[in-house]
Amino acid sequence: MMSDEQKSVRAPDQVKTFQIRIQGHLSQQWTDWFAGLTITVEEDGNTLLSGPVVDQSALHGILKKIRNLT
């Protein structure tokens, strides 16, 4: 029996784009620390980090950096 559903298969080397919101404003001086991510200061007092992340390990590294900001 064949299914009409098509599963989305992602190539292992395909990069995903993430958006991470941080409470408070980060200045552009942090750009090098968050290499590859764009820092956008939002009017509501938050900062948006967005950009490509190569894998889960890289994502964990970014989240660890964010945690260490405090």
C-alpha atoms as a PDB file:
ATOM      1  CA  MET A   1       0.000   0.000   0.000  1.00  0.00           C
ATOM      2  CA  MET A   2       1.400   3.391  -0.995  1.00  0.00           C
ATOM      3  CA  SER A   3       0.784   6.524   0.952  1.00  0.00           C
ATOM      4  CA  ASP A   4      -0.002   9.863  -0.657  1.00  0.00           C
ATOM      5  CA  GLU A   5       2.014  11.594   2.058  1.00  0.00           C
ATOM      6  CA  GLN A   6       5.446  12.816   1.104  1.00  0.00           C
ATOM      7  CA  LYS A   7       7.952  12.924   3.873  1.00  0.00           C
ATOM      8  CA  SER A   8      10.283  15.870   3.927  1.00  0.00           C
ATOM      9  CA  VAL A   9      13.775  14.464   3.807  1.00  0.00           C
ATOM     10  CA  ARG A  10      16.529  16.888   4.674  1.00  0.00           C
ATOM     11  CA  ALA A  11      20.067  16.329   3.486  1.00  0.00           C
ATOM     12  CA  PRO A  12      22.479  15.878   6.401  1.00  0.00           C
ATOM     13  CA  ASP A  13      24.581  18.839   5.280  1.00  0.00           C
ATOM     14  CA  GLN A  14      21.634  21.230   4.880  1.00  0.00           C
ATOM     15  CA  VAL A  15      21.878  24.222   7.216  1.00  0.00           C
ATOM     16  CA  LYS A  16      18.834  25.414   9.166  1.00  0.00           C
ATOM     17  CA  THR A  17      18.087  29.042   9.969  1.00  0.00           C
ATOM     18  CA  PHE A  18      17.213  29.892  13.568  1.00  0.00           C
ATOM     19  CA  GLN A  19      15.760  32.921  15.315  1.00  0.00           C
ATOM     20  CA  ILE A  20      16.506  33.303  19.007  1.00  0.00           C
ATOM     21  CA  ARG A  21      15.039  36.136  21.105  1.00  0.00           C
ATOM     22  CA  ILE A  22      16.961  37.437  24.101  1.00  0.00           C
ATOM     23  CA  GLN A  23      15.521  39.719  26.755  1.00  0.00           C
ATOM     24  CA  GLY A  24      17.426  43.007  26.740  1.00  0.00           C
ATOM     25  CA  HIS A  25      19.554  44.717  24.121  1.00  0.00           C
ATOM     26  CA  LEU A  26      22.863  43.398  22.833  1.00  0.00           C
ATOM     27  CA  SER A  27      25.110  45.840  21.023  1.00  0.00           C
ATOM     28  CA  GLN A  28      26.692  45.106  17.661  1.00  0.00           C
ATOM     29  CA  GLN A  29      30.023  44.521  19.446  1.00  0.00           C
ATOM     30  CA  TRP A  30      28.781  40.981  20.120  1.00  0.00           C
ATOM     31  CA  THR A  31      28.623  40.189  16.388  1.00  0.00           C
ATOM     32  CA  ASP A  32      32.006  38.435  16.367  1.00  0.00           C
ATOM     33  CA  TRP A  33      31.077  36.370  19.430  1.00  0.00           C
ATOM     34  CA  PHE A  34      27.923  35.160  17.673  1.00  0.00           C
ATOM     35  CA  ALA A  35      29.705  34.571  14.361  1.00  0.00           C
ATOM     36  CA  GLY A  36      27.330  34.053  11.476  1.00  0.00           C
ATOM     37  CA  LEU A  37      24.279  35.404  13.306  1.00  0.00           C
ATOM     38  CA  THR A  38      22.663  38.766  12.723  1.00  0.00           C
ATOM     39  CA  ILE A  39      21.914  40.850  15.819  1.00  0.00           C
ATOM     40  CA  THR A  40      18.725  42.905  15.590  1.00  0.00           C
ATOM     41  CA  VAL A  41      17.725  45.186  18.473  1.00  0.00           C
ATOM     42  CA  GLU A  42      13.932  45.295  18.705  1.00  0.00           C
ATOM     43  CA  GLU A  43      11.786  48.189  19.933  1.00  0.00           C
ATOM     44  CA  ASP A  44      10.186  46.011  22.629  1.00  0.00           C
ATOM     45  CA  GLY A  45      13.484  45.780  24.517  1.00  0.00           C
ATOM     46  CA  ASN A  46      14.553  42.398  23.147  1.00  0.00           C
ATOM     47  CA  THR A  47      17.331  41.303  20.812  1.00  0.00           C
ATOM     48  CA  LEU A  48      16.832  38.892  17.926  1.00  0.00           C
ATOM     49  CA  LEU A  49      19.699  36.625  16.881  1.00  0.00           C
ATOM     50  CA  SER A  50      19.059  35.064  13.497  1.00  0.00           C
ATOM     51  CA  GLY A  51      21.007  33.121  10.946  1.00  0.00           C
ATOM     52  CA  PRO A  52      22.245  29.740   9.815  1.00  0.00           C
ATOM     53  CA  VAL A  53      23.282  27.052  12.282  1.00  0.00           C
ATOM     54  CA  VAL A  54      25.126  24.058  10.837  1.00  0.00           C
ATOM     55  CA  ASP A  55      24.112  21.406  13.351  1.00  0.00           C
ATOM     56  CA  GLN A  56      22.752  20.642  16.799  1.00  0.00           C
ATOM     57  CA  SER A  57      26.185  20.948  18.386  1.00  0.00           C
ATOM     58  CA  ALA A  58      26.573  24.482  17.014  1.00  0.00           C
ATOM     59  CA  LEU A  59      23.105  25.377  18.311  1.00  0.00           C
ATOM     60  CA  HIS A  60      24.032  24.149  21.787  1.00  0.00           C
ATOM     61  CA  GLY A  61      27.191  26.264  21.624  1.00  0.00           C
ATOM     62  CA  ILE A  62      25.141  29.366  20.820  1.00  0.00           C
ATOM     63  CA  LEU A  63      22.679  28.665  23.630  1.00  0.00           C
ATOM     64  CA  LYS A  64      25.579  28.159  26.045  1.00  0.00           C
ATOM     65  CA  LYS A  65      27.018  31.563  25.048  1.00  0.00           C
ATOM     66  CA  ILE A  66      23.633  33.163  25.662  1.00  0.00           C
ATOM     67  CA  ARG A  67      23.366  31.503  29.060  1.00  0.00           C
ATOM     68  CA  ASN A  68      26.837  32.809  29.989  1.00  0.00           C
ATOM     69  CA  LEU A  69      25.832  36.414  29.227  1.00  0.00           C
ATOM     70  CA  THR A  70      24.206  36.737  32.639  1.00  0.00           C
END
